Amino acid sequence: MDYLMYVKKILNDIEKMDSIYSKDIPNISLYMDQVTTFMDDNLGSLKRKENDKILTKTMINNYSKNHILPPPIKKKYTPNHMIMLIFIYYTKHILSITDIQKLLSPLKDMIENKDSDFSLEEFYDSLLNIQKDEYSLFNQHIESTIELAIDAFKDFDSESKNMLELFNIIYLLTIQASAQKYLAEKLIDKFFNTDQSNDNKSNKGKKD
């Protein structure tokens, strides 16, 4: 079954995929063209089609206008900007712009707070370390999904058997992705409500 070999190759590629640690991000501020080039060079392997863009100038400008990304400093983007853009890139395939804004708002507030000792670089690197372990678990889970999908048609004697197995695998992956997306959205709705956070902030300054 050719598709099984292909799936195993993709899973292997995912597990071996290089992550962009904070040390890999230039420790200087970059102009827009340098930002888009860096993203294409380092995340290009994730593109579905060769002519796809990781992030465009228009996208980045819109993220700033929508207060998802801190505004550039004298038209330049710092390492913190780059990390935020990486977060945006990975979440934009799943979450709406509104949900991304809610999710990243606390991080944006902390890095803009000069009195905060929060290090976005340390936080980001710790997530990448967890991500490596998660990829290994992900591969195991996908292999179990494939076994389940194939087992459903083990007694099928048909020329369409491979197509049905493959359809079942893709359908199960889609159902799982939908369930994970639903869970992520519910967590954002419950714990990352920016309107509620703003109300809480304003109420702190009020006396009973």
Protein backbone atom coordinates (compact mmCIF):
# COMPACT_ATOMS: atom_id res chain seq x y z
CA MET A 1 0.00 0.00 0.00
CA ASP A 2 1.84 3.06 -1.32
CA TYR A 3 -0.02 5.52 0.89
CA LEU A 4 1.27 3.83 4.07
CA MET A 5 4.87 4.38 2.98
CA TYR A 6 4.02 7.97 2.12
CA VAL A 7 2.39 8.60 5.51
CA LYS A 8 5.41 7.13 7.32
CA LYS A 9 7.71 9.38 5.29
CA ILE A 10 5.67 12.49 6.19
CA LEU A 11 5.60 11.52 9.88
CA ASN A 12 9.35 10.97 9.81
CA ASP A 13 9.86 14.36 8.14
CA ILE A 14 7.71 16.04 10.79
CA GLU A 15 9.63 14.44 13.66
CA LYS A 16 12.98 15.46 12.15
CA MET A 17 11.81 18.96 11.25
CA ASP A 18 14.18 21.60 12.56
CA SER A 19 12.70 24.10 14.99
CA ILE A 20 13.66 27.77 15.08
CA TYR A 21 15.04 28.34 18.56
CA SER A 22 15.58 31.86 19.87
CA LYS A 23 19.33 31.50 19.25
CA ASP A 24 18.55 31.02 15.53
CA ILE A 25 16.73 34.35 15.34
CA PRO A 26 18.98 37.33 14.50
CA ASN A 27 19.74 39.29 17.65
CA ILE A 28 19.16 42.55 15.80
CA SER A 29 16.09 44.38 14.55
CA LEU A 30 15.08 43.55 10.98
CA TYR A 31 13.34 45.43 8.23
CA MET A 32 10.18 43.95 6.70
CA ASP A 33 11.94 42.38 3.70
CA GLN A 34 14.43 40.71 6.03
CA VAL A 35 11.57 39.37 8.17
CA THR A 36 9.73 37.76 5.27
CA THR A 37 12.98 36.32 3.90
CA PHE A 38 13.88 34.82 7.28
CA MET A 39 10.43 33.23 7.60
CA ASP A 40 10.58 31.77 4.08
CA ASP A 41 14.10 30.42 4.64
CA ASN A 42 13.30 28.81 7.99
CA LEU A 43 9.68 27.70 7.61
CA GLY A 44 9.65 27.04 3.87
CA SER A 45 9.54 23.26 4.36
CA LEU A 46 6.02 23.68 5.78
CA LYS A 47 4.62 25.15 2.57
CA ARG A 48 2.06 23.02 0.76
CA LYS A 49 2.96 24.46 -2.64
CA GLU A 50 6.29 25.84 -3.78
CA ASN A 51 4.89 29.31 -4.61
CA ASP A 52 3.06 29.68 -1.26
CA LYS A 53 4.23 32.44 1.07
CA ILE A 54 4.88 31.86 4.78
CA LEU A 55 4.03 35.45 5.71
CA THR A 56 3.54 38.43 3.42
CA LYS A 57 4.09 42.12 4.12
CA THR A 58 0.33 42.66 3.97
CA MET A 59 -0.29 39.92 6.54
CA ILE A 60 2.28 41.34 8.94
CA ASN A 61 0.91 44.87 8.60
CA ASN A 62 -2.60 43.56 9.28
CA TYR A 63 -1.44 41.75 12.41
CA SER A 64 -0.06 45.04 13.73
CA LYS A 65 -3.24 46.94 12.80
CA ASN A 66 -5.34 44.33 14.59
CA HIS A 67 -3.13 44.63 17.71
CA ILE A 68 -2.03 41.00 17.44
CA LEU A 69 1.57 42.00 16.89
CA PRO A 70 3.28 44.92 18.67
CA PRO A 71 3.96 47.77 16.23
CA PRO A 72 7.43 47.81 14.66
CA ILE A 73 10.03 50.10 16.19
CA LYS A 74 11.16 52.61 13.58
CA LYS A 75 10.00 50.18 10.86
CA LYS A 76 12.11 47.39 12.36
CA TYR A 77 11.14 44.11 14.01
CA THR A 78 12.87 42.81 17.13
CA PRO A 79 13.50 39.15 18.11
CA ASN A 80 10.29 39.33 20.18
CA HIS A 81 8.38 40.36 17.05
CA MET A 82 9.85 37.36 15.24
CA ILE A 83 8.75 34.94 17.96
CA MET A 84 5.24 36.42 17.94
CA LEU A 85 5.12 36.02 14.16
CA ILE A 86 6.11 32.36 14.49
CA PHE A 87 3.26 31.86 16.98
CA ILE A 88 0.92 33.60 14.54
CA TYR A 89 2.06 31.45 11.63
CA TYR A 90 1.37 28.18 13.43
CA THR A 91 -1.98 29.27 14.87
CA LYS A 92 -3.40 31.06 11.80
CA HIS A 93 -4.09 27.75 10.05
CA ILE A 94 -6.43 26.73 12.85
CA LEU A 95 -7.69 29.79 14.71
CA SER A 96 -9.49 32.92 13.58
CA ILE A 97 -7.80 36.32 13.72
CA THR A 98 -10.00 37.19 16.70
CA ASP A 99 -8.99 34.05 18.60
CA ILE A 100 -5.30 34.61 17.83
CA GLN A 101 -5.61 38.16 19.16
CA LYS A 102 -7.17 36.86 22.37
CA LEU A 103 -4.57 34.13 22.77
CA LEU A 104 -1.53 36.32 22.17
CA SER A 105 -2.79 39.40 23.98
CA PRO A 106 -1.34 38.40 27.40
CA LEU A 107 2.07 37.72 25.84
CA LYS A 108 1.95 41.02 23.99
CA ASP A 109 1.09 42.87 27.21
CA MET A 110 3.95 41.22 29.11
CA ILE A 111 6.63 42.00 26.52
CA GLU A 112 5.40 45.59 26.22
CA ASN A 113 5.51 46.02 30.01
CA LYS A 114 8.94 47.42 30.82
CA ASP A 115 8.56 46.43 34.48
CA SER A 116 7.92 42.77 33.65
CA ASP A 117 10.73 40.21 34.03
CA PHE A 118 8.99 37.87 31.58
CA SER A 119 11.31 36.48 28.90
CA LEU A 120 9.48 35.60 25.69
CA GLU A 121 12.60 33.85 24.38
CA GLU A 122 12.81 31.50 27.37
CA PHE A 123 9.07 30.78 27.20
CA TYR A 124 9.28 30.12 23.46
CA ASP A 125 12.28 27.78 23.76
CA SER A 126 10.57 25.78 26.51
CA LEU A 127 7.57 25.26 24.21
CA LEU A 128 9.84 23.98 21.46
CA ASN A 129 11.36 21.42 23.83
CA ILE A 130 7.87 20.18 24.69
CA GLN A 131 6.98 20.19 20.99
CA LYS A 132 9.72 17.65 20.19
CA ASP A 133 8.21 15.17 22.66
CA GLU A 134 4.74 15.94 21.34
CA TYR A 135 5.78 15.06 17.77
CA SER A 136 6.90 11.63 18.95
CA LEU A 137 3.54 11.04 20.66
CA PHE A 138 1.76 12.43 17.61
CA ASN A 139 3.47 9.89 15.35
CA GLN A 140 2.41 7.04 17.63
CA HIS A 141 -1.16 8.33 17.65
CA ILE A 142 -1.31 8.64 13.86
CA GLU A 143 0.01 5.09 13.46
CA SER A 144 -2.78 3.89 15.78
CA THR A 145 -5.33 5.84 13.71
CA ILE A 146 -4.07 4.18 10.53
CA GLU A 147 -4.28 0.72 12.08
CA LEU A 148 -7.86 1.46 13.19
CA ALA A 149 -8.83 2.71 9.74
CA ILE A 150 -7.34 -0.29 7.96
CA ASP A 151 -8.81 -2.79 10.42
CA ALA A 152 -12.30 -1.50 9.61
CA PHE A 153 -11.93 -2.93 6.07
CA LYS A 154 -9.86 -6.04 6.79
CA ASP A 155 -12.65 -8.33 5.53
CA PHE A 156 -13.33 -6.21 2.46
CA ASP A 157 -12.60 -7.94 -0.82
CA SER A 158 -12.83 -5.16 -3.32
CA GLU A 159 -10.74 -3.25 -5.82
CA SER A 160 -11.78 -0.12 -3.92
CA LYS A 161 -10.37 -1.37 -0.60
CA ASN A 162 -7.27 0.85 -0.64
CA MET A 163 -9.29 3.91 -1.57
CA LEU A 164 -11.78 3.24 1.24
CA GLU A 165 -8.95 2.76 3.75
CA LEU A 166 -7.31 5.98 2.66
CA PHE A 167 -10.62 7.87 2.80
CA ASN A 168 -11.17 6.55 6.32
CA ILE A 169 -7.70 7.67 7.43
CA ILE A 170 -8.21 11.18 6.05
CA TYR A 171 -11.71 11.38 7.53
CA LEU A 172 -10.49 10.31 10.98
CA LEU A 173 -7.63 12.83 10.82
CA THR A 174 -10.15 15.53 9.90
CA ILE A 175 -12.47 14.56 12.76
CA GLN A 176 -9.56 14.64 15.22
CA ALA A 177 -8.40 18.03 13.93
CA SER A 178 -11.95 19.38 14.22
CA ALA A 179 -12.24 18.13 17.81
CA GLN A 180 -8.89 19.68 18.75
CA LYS A 181 -9.86 22.96 17.09
CA TYR A 182 -13.16 22.94 19.00
CA LEU A 183 -11.33 22.32 22.30
CA ALA A 184 -8.82 25.10 21.61
CA GLU A 185 -11.64 27.54 20.80
CA LYS A 186 -13.57 26.64 23.95
CA LEU A 187 -10.45 27.19 26.09
CA ILE A 188 -9.92 30.59 24.46
CA ASP A 189 -13.57 31.53 25.01
CA LYS A 190 -13.39 30.50 28.67
CA PHE A 191 -9.96 31.77 29.72
CA PHE A 192 -8.78 34.29 27.12
CA ASN A 193 -11.76 36.62 26.96
CA THR A 194 -10.09 39.99 26.37
CA ASP A 195 -13.25 41.97 27.11
CA GLN A 196 -13.56 40.25 30.46
CA SER A 197 -9.85 40.80 31.15
CA ASN A 198 -10.16 44.48 30.39
CA ASP A 199 -13.19 44.73 32.70
CA ASN A 200 -11.21 43.05 35.48
CA LYS A 201 -8.33 45.47 34.98
CA SER A 202 -10.61 48.49 35.15
CA ASN A 203 -12.42 47.14 38.20
CA LYS A 204 -9.16 46.76 40.10
CA GLY A 205 -8.87 50.50 40.28
CA LYS A 206 -12.40 50.95 41.62
CA LYS A 207 -13.34 50.97 45.29
CA ASP A 208 -16.36 49.07 46.57
